[in-house]
Structures are given as C-alpha cells and as structure tokens.
C-alpha cells in the first residue's frame, strides 16, 4: 500500500472525527439513533434506553424512567451515546493554540466518562494526556497515560506506546521515541486496510517520527511523515494539528534559506 502524501495537501477539518476516530457517517448514524443513549449489560439480550449521567468510581450512572441506577463498569458490555460537544470545542481551542482551554475541555470529558466502553471516552483520555505534553506537564501526562492503560486494558497497546514516544520527544529523548514509534509506522506502511482501532496510534506515531527525523536534520523525511499525519492518518487531532504546524514551519524555513537544497516529498 502506497501511503505517500501529496505535496500540496488540502486542509481537512472533521472536528468530531478527529476526536472520536469515527467517520462522518458513523457519527451521523449515532447522533440520529433512537434512543440517543442506551446501555447494554453483559448477558442482556438488548440495550436499555435512558441517559448516561457519567461514571462515578467504578460505576456507570444511568437514568431511566424508573429512576437513576448505577451499574458496575465491569458489567457494562456497550453503550450508545453521542460524543459530548466539549470534544469538538477542545479541538477548536487546540487549533487556535489555546492549549489550557483545550485541556480544560478534554479533561472535563475524561473525568466524567473515563472507563466508559465507548471509543470517544477512551480517546478523550488520550487527548488529555497529549495536551498535558503540549503544556509541558509531563508528570501529569505520564499519570494520565497510566490511568488510560488501567481502564482500557488490552485495547490501548499501540496508543500507549505512542504516548510514551510523545513523552520521550518532550524530554528530548529521541532515541527512545524512535524505538517506540518506529515499529508502529513500519506496521502502518504495511497495512492494506487500517483497523479502526489502530488509526489514532498510527496518526500519533507518524507525527512523532516527523519530530525524530527533524531532530536528525532529515527534513525531507520529517515533512513526509508530517504530511502523512495531515492527509492520511489525521484521526488524532493533537497529532494532526502539531504536524500541520511543523510542516508549515519547515516549508517556511526552507523557502527563506538561500540554498540549492530543497525539501522534496516524492
């Protein structure tokens, strides 16, 4: 599979798509599903309609016509619930370089729904960890990543490795970052059909590898990986926007240099 990005990528803005790792039609179908919220317990034949109020401790608070009930997270098989608007708002704040606001919004979703068995809740936790990295709060990023792994065991392996790689970049430990992210980008380049569960990790991994290659003065390779993040693996909003900023900076720097060497992405 040829995953090389075009040299003139168009800006693609899917605010909810970035945050949730879902395609537009899936979000549309979820938002128009009846009922808007539903919860299915393990062993139950069907989901129960109601309103998911949040997660408290290890229990999901679920309001039905009969009242508010609390179900242990371990007993919940699946839920149907649209992504909260704060996720799109966090994405918009990030695009405006307002990292504190983006962090406040993503953390609000993460704190309220962490552990909920739905993709956007898991990804909100990952977004929060990445925003802690962006704001230089590395210990908090490491703690958020550890909590993500604890709550979503078995489903965040690649995403956790990318999180560690991003923390390594923040610490200027580019060797560790390459060790963590390199195998993931190699795997991505071999995939003919990218599994939905891997899209977020692939997005972050190519962004990290762009930063690693930039540190090694491989500007052409860095730009190529940034463009892959922007145009192909755009599912992680923080990675996509970071890659866009670095790609723009590389192009600007190359344009201003009086040299015959040009950045080129075949």
Protein backbone atom coordinates (compact mmCIF):
# COMPACT_ATOMS: atom_id res chain seq x y z
CA UNK A 1 0.00 0.00 0.00
CA UNK A 2 1.43 3.39 -1.01
CA UNK A 3 0.87 5.80 1.84
CA UNK A 4 2.90 8.70 0.50
CA UNK A 5 1.17 12.02 0.98
CA UNK A 6 0.57 14.53 -1.84
CA UNK A 7 2.93 17.51 -1.89
CA UNK A 8 0.06 20.02 -1.61
CA UNK A 9 -2.39 18.59 0.95
CA UNK A 10 -5.73 20.29 1.47
CA UNK A 11 -6.79 21.14 4.99
CA UNK A 12 -9.34 18.62 6.22
CA UNK A 13 -11.39 19.61 9.22
CA UNK A 14 -13.51 16.92 10.86
CA UNK A 15 -13.68 18.13 14.45
CA UNK A 16 -15.66 15.23 15.87
CA UNK A 17 -13.96 12.77 13.55
CA UNK A 18 -10.52 13.78 14.86
CA UNK A 19 -11.54 13.41 18.47
CA UNK A 20 -13.55 10.22 18.11
CA UNK A 21 -11.70 8.33 15.43
CA UNK A 22 -15.03 7.76 13.63
CA UNK A 23 -16.04 8.55 10.09
CA UNK A 24 -18.72 11.14 9.38
CA UNK A 25 -21.44 8.66 8.50
CA UNK A 26 -20.89 6.71 11.72
CA UNK A 27 -21.26 9.87 13.79
CA UNK A 28 -24.37 10.90 11.87
CA UNK A 29 -25.91 7.48 12.43
CA UNK A 30 -25.03 7.55 16.13
CA UNK A 31 -26.46 11.02 16.67
CA UNK A 32 -29.71 10.05 14.93
CA UNK A 33 -30.04 6.68 16.63
CA UNK A 34 -33.12 6.01 18.71
CA UNK A 35 -32.78 6.19 21.64
CA UNK A 36 -29.91 8.74 21.86
CA UNK A 37 -28.46 6.92 24.88
CA UNK A 38 -28.59 3.21 25.59
CA UNK A 39 -26.73 0.79 27.82
CA UNK A 40 -26.28 -2.94 27.35
CA UNK A 41 -25.21 -5.17 30.21
CA UNK A 42 -23.20 -8.31 29.71
CA UNK A 43 -25.58 -11.22 29.28
CA UNK A 44 -28.55 -8.98 28.45
CA UNK A 45 -30.35 -9.68 25.18
CA UNK A 46 -30.83 -6.00 24.34
CA UNK A 47 -29.78 -2.48 25.30
CA UNK A 48 -31.86 -0.37 27.68
CA UNK A 49 -32.78 3.21 26.72
CA UNK A 50 -32.00 6.01 29.14
CA UNK A 51 -29.49 8.77 29.85
CA UNK A 52 -25.86 8.16 30.79
CA UNK A 53 -25.03 10.69 33.50
CA UNK A 54 -21.39 9.78 33.89
CA UNK A 55 -19.01 7.42 35.66
CA UNK A 56 -18.57 7.59 39.41
CA UNK A 57 -15.88 5.38 40.86
CA UNK A 58 -16.32 2.05 39.12
CA UNK A 59 -19.98 2.55 38.30
CA UNK A 60 -21.96 4.00 35.40
CA UNK A 61 -24.81 6.26 36.49
CA UNK A 62 -27.75 5.58 34.21
CA UNK A 63 -31.09 7.38 34.37
CA UNK A 64 -34.20 5.59 33.17
CA UNK A 65 -37.93 6.15 33.59
CA UNK A 66 -37.70 4.02 36.70
CA UNK A 67 -35.06 6.26 38.26
CA UNK A 68 -31.27 6.54 38.41
CA UNK A 69 -29.36 3.29 38.62
CA UNK A 70 -25.64 2.57 38.99
CA UNK A 71 -24.11 -0.35 37.12
CA UNK A 72 -20.56 -1.60 37.74
CA UNK A 73 -18.33 -0.77 34.79
CA UNK A 74 -17.24 -4.41 34.64
CA UNK A 75 -20.84 -5.44 33.91
CA UNK A 76 -21.38 -2.97 31.05
CA UNK A 77 -20.86 -4.51 27.62
CA UNK A 78 -21.53 -1.46 25.46
CA UNK A 79 -23.16 1.96 25.38
CA UNK A 80 -24.67 4.20 22.73
CA UNK A 81 -24.04 7.88 23.34
CA UNK A 82 -23.02 10.74 21.03
CA UNK A 83 -19.69 12.40 21.72
CA UNK A 84 -20.11 15.38 24.10
CA UNK A 85 -19.74 18.81 22.44
CA UNK A 86 -16.72 19.58 24.65
CA UNK A 87 -14.62 17.30 22.44
CA UNK A 88 -15.23 19.44 19.35
CA UNK A 89 -14.72 22.56 21.47
CA UNK A 90 -11.38 21.19 22.70
CA UNK A 91 -10.36 20.55 19.11
CA UNK A 92 -11.27 24.11 18.12
CA UNK A 93 -9.31 25.53 21.06
CA UNK A 94 -6.29 23.42 20.13
CA UNK A 95 -6.39 24.70 16.56
CA UNK A 96 -6.27 28.23 17.98
CA UNK A 97 -3.24 27.26 20.10
CA UNK A 98 -5.28 27.75 23.27
CA UNK A 99 -3.89 24.67 24.97
CA UNK A 100 -5.13 25.50 28.50
CA UNK A 101 -8.72 25.80 27.25
CA UNK A 102 -8.41 22.63 25.15
CA UNK A 103 -7.03 20.78 28.18
CA UNK A 104 -9.82 22.00 30.45
CA UNK A 105 -12.45 20.80 27.97
CA UNK A 106 -10.90 17.42 27.22
CA UNK A 107 -10.20 16.76 30.90
CA UNK A 108 -13.83 17.53 31.76
CA UNK A 109 -14.96 14.78 29.38
CA UNK A 110 -12.23 12.43 30.54
CA UNK A 111 -13.00 12.91 34.22
CA UNK A 112 -16.75 12.47 33.75
CA UNK A 113 -16.74 9.45 31.45
CA UNK A 114 -13.38 7.70 31.92
CA UNK A 115 -13.70 3.95 31.66
CA UNK A 116 -16.95 4.11 29.71
CA UNK A 117 -16.80 1.44 26.97
CA UNK A 118 -17.15 3.82 24.04
CA UNK A 119 -14.38 5.00 21.72
CA UNK A 120 -14.68 8.75 22.31
CA UNK A 121 -14.27 8.33 26.09
CA UNK A 122 -11.04 6.40 25.59
CA UNK A 123 -9.80 8.93 23.07
CA UNK A 124 -10.68 11.86 25.33
CA UNK A 125 -8.30 10.40 27.89
CA UNK A 126 -5.61 10.10 25.23
CA UNK A 127 -6.24 13.68 24.14
CA UNK A 128 -5.88 14.86 27.73
CA UNK A 129 -2.53 13.08 28.06
CA UNK A 130 -1.32 14.62 24.80
CA UNK A 131 -2.42 18.09 25.89
CA UNK A 132 -0.51 17.68 29.15
CA UNK A 133 2.53 17.03 26.96
CA UNK A 134 1.77 20.13 24.88
CA UNK A 135 1.55 22.26 28.03
CA UNK A 136 4.76 20.79 29.46
CA UNK A 137 3.08 18.96 32.35
CA UNK A 138 4.96 15.70 31.81
CA UNK A 139 4.26 14.02 35.20
CA UNK A 140 0.53 14.60 34.68
CA UNK A 141 0.82 13.22 31.14
CA UNK A 142 2.50 10.08 32.47
CA UNK A 143 -0.20 9.66 35.13
CA UNK A 144 -2.99 10.14 32.56
CA UNK A 145 -1.39 7.57 30.28
CA UNK A 146 -1.07 5.06 33.12
CA UNK A 147 -4.74 5.53 34.01
CA UNK A 148 -5.72 5.06 30.36
CA UNK A 149 -3.88 1.73 30.27
CA UNK A 150 -5.52 0.62 33.52
CA UNK A 151 -9.06 1.42 32.43
CA UNK A 152 -8.80 0.13 28.88
CA UNK A 153 -6.62 -2.93 29.27
CA UNK A 154 -5.93 -4.80 26.07
CA UNK A 155 -7.18 -2.05 23.75
CA UNK A 156 -4.62 0.73 24.06
CA UNK A 157 -1.33 -1.08 23.46
CA UNK A 158 -0.23 0.89 20.40
CA UNK A 159 -1.77 4.10 21.70
CA UNK A 160 0.15 3.72 24.97
CA UNK A 161 3.42 3.19 23.10
CA UNK A 162 2.77 6.35 21.08
CA UNK A 163 2.02 8.23 24.30
CA UNK A 164 5.37 7.14 25.71
CA UNK A 165 7.04 8.16 22.46
CA UNK A 166 5.49 11.63 22.66
CA UNK A 167 6.66 11.97 26.26
CA UNK A 168 10.16 10.91 25.14
CA UNK A 169 10.11 13.65 22.47
CA UNK A 170 9.11 16.19 25.12
CA UNK A 171 12.14 15.06 27.14
CA UNK A 172 14.35 15.30 24.00
CA UNK A 173 14.95 11.56 24.23
CA UNK A 174 14.63 11.00 20.51
CA UNK A 175 16.25 7.55 20.59
CA UNK A 176 13.51 6.20 22.86
CA UNK A 177 10.89 7.99 20.77
CA UNK A 178 12.19 6.27 17.63
CA UNK A 179 12.26 2.88 19.37
CA UNK A 180 8.60 3.27 20.38
CA UNK A 181 7.14 4.92 17.27
CA UNK A 182 9.31 3.47 14.51
CA UNK A 183 7.86 -0.08 14.57
CA UNK A 184 4.34 1.38 14.58
CA UNK A 185 4.91 3.47 11.44
CA UNK A 186 6.53 0.46 9.77
CA UNK A 187 3.44 -1.57 10.60
CA UNK A 188 1.19 1.18 9.26
CA UNK A 189 3.00 1.25 5.92
CA UNK A 190 2.38 -2.49 5.51
CA UNK A 191 -1.35 -2.31 6.27
CA UNK A 192 -3.66 -2.60 3.28
CA UNK A 193 -6.74 -1.86 5.36
CA UNK A 194 -6.04 0.03 8.57
CA UNK A 195 -8.05 -1.36 11.51
CA UNK A 196 -10.15 1.41 13.10
CA UNK A 197 -8.63 0.62 16.48
CA UNK A 198 -5.15 1.49 15.15
CA UNK A 199 -5.90 4.76 13.37
CA UNK A 200 -5.25 7.01 16.38
CA UNK A 201 -1.97 5.28 17.18
CA UNK A 202 -0.76 5.46 13.57
CA UNK A 203 -1.60 9.17 13.49
CA UNK A 204 0.47 9.94 16.58
CA UNK A 205 3.32 7.65 15.53
CA UNK A 206 3.90 9.42 12.20
CA UNK A 207 3.85 12.77 14.00
CA UNK A 208 6.46 11.51 16.46
CA UNK A 209 8.63 10.13 13.66
CA UNK A 210 8.44 13.50 11.93
CA UNK A 211 9.81 15.11 15.09
CA UNK A 212 12.51 12.44 15.41
CA UNK A 213 13.64 12.91 11.80
CA UNK A 214 13.58 16.69 12.21
CA UNK A 215 15.91 16.33 15.21
CA UNK A 216 18.21 14.29 12.96
CA UNK A 217 18.16 17.03 10.28
CA UNK A 218 16.30 14.70 7.90
CA UNK A 219 13.91 17.48 6.92
CA UNK A 220 12.60 15.75 3.80
CA UNK A 221 11.73 12.61 5.79
CA UNK A 222 10.21 14.72 8.57
CA UNK A 223 7.98 16.61 6.14
CA UNK A 224 6.86 13.36 4.54
CA UNK A 225 5.76 11.95 7.90
CA UNK A 226 4.04 15.20 8.85
CA UNK A 227 2.09 15.14 5.59
CA UNK A 228 1.09 11.53 6.19
CA UNK A 229 -0.29 12.65 9.54
CA UNK A 230 -2.20 15.53 7.96
CA UNK A 231 -3.68 13.79 4.93
CA UNK A 232 -3.81 10.06 5.65
CA UNK A 233 -3.66 9.38 9.39
CA UNK A 234 -5.45 12.53 10.56
CA UNK A 235 -7.51 10.79 13.26
CA UNK A 236 -5.59 12.12 16.29
CA UNK A 237 -6.44 15.81 16.49
CA UNK A 238 -3.40 16.83 18.56
CA UNK A 239 -1.03 14.95 16.24
CA UNK A 240 -2.67 16.31 13.10
CA UNK A 241 -2.52 19.92 14.23
CA UNK A 242 1.01 19.57 15.55
CA UNK A 243 2.10 18.05 12.25
CA UNK A 244 0.46 20.90 10.34
CA UNK A 245 2.35 23.47 12.39
CA UNK A 246 5.68 21.69 11.91
CA UNK A 247 5.11 21.16 8.18
CA UNK A 248 4.30 24.86 7.74
CA UNK A 249 7.42 25.81 9.71
CA UNK A 250 9.64 23.52 7.62
CA UNK A 251 8.29 24.92 4.37
CA UNK A 252 8.73 28.48 5.58
CA UNK A 253 12.26 27.82 6.80
CA UNK A 254 13.20 26.14 3.54
CA UNK A 255 11.74 29.00 1.49
CA UNK A 256 13.75 31.56 3.45
CA UNK A 257 17.05 29.70 3.15
CA UNK A 258 19.34 30.74 0.32
CA UNK A 259 20.40 27.24 -0.60
CA UNK A 260 20.04 24.86 -3.50
CA UNK A 261 18.80 22.14 -1.16
CA UNK A 262 15.03 21.85 -1.37
CA UNK A 263 12.59 19.84 0.71
CA UNK A 264 11.09 17.22 -1.51
CA UNK A 265 8.47 14.56 -0.86
CA UNK A 266 8.28 12.07 -3.76
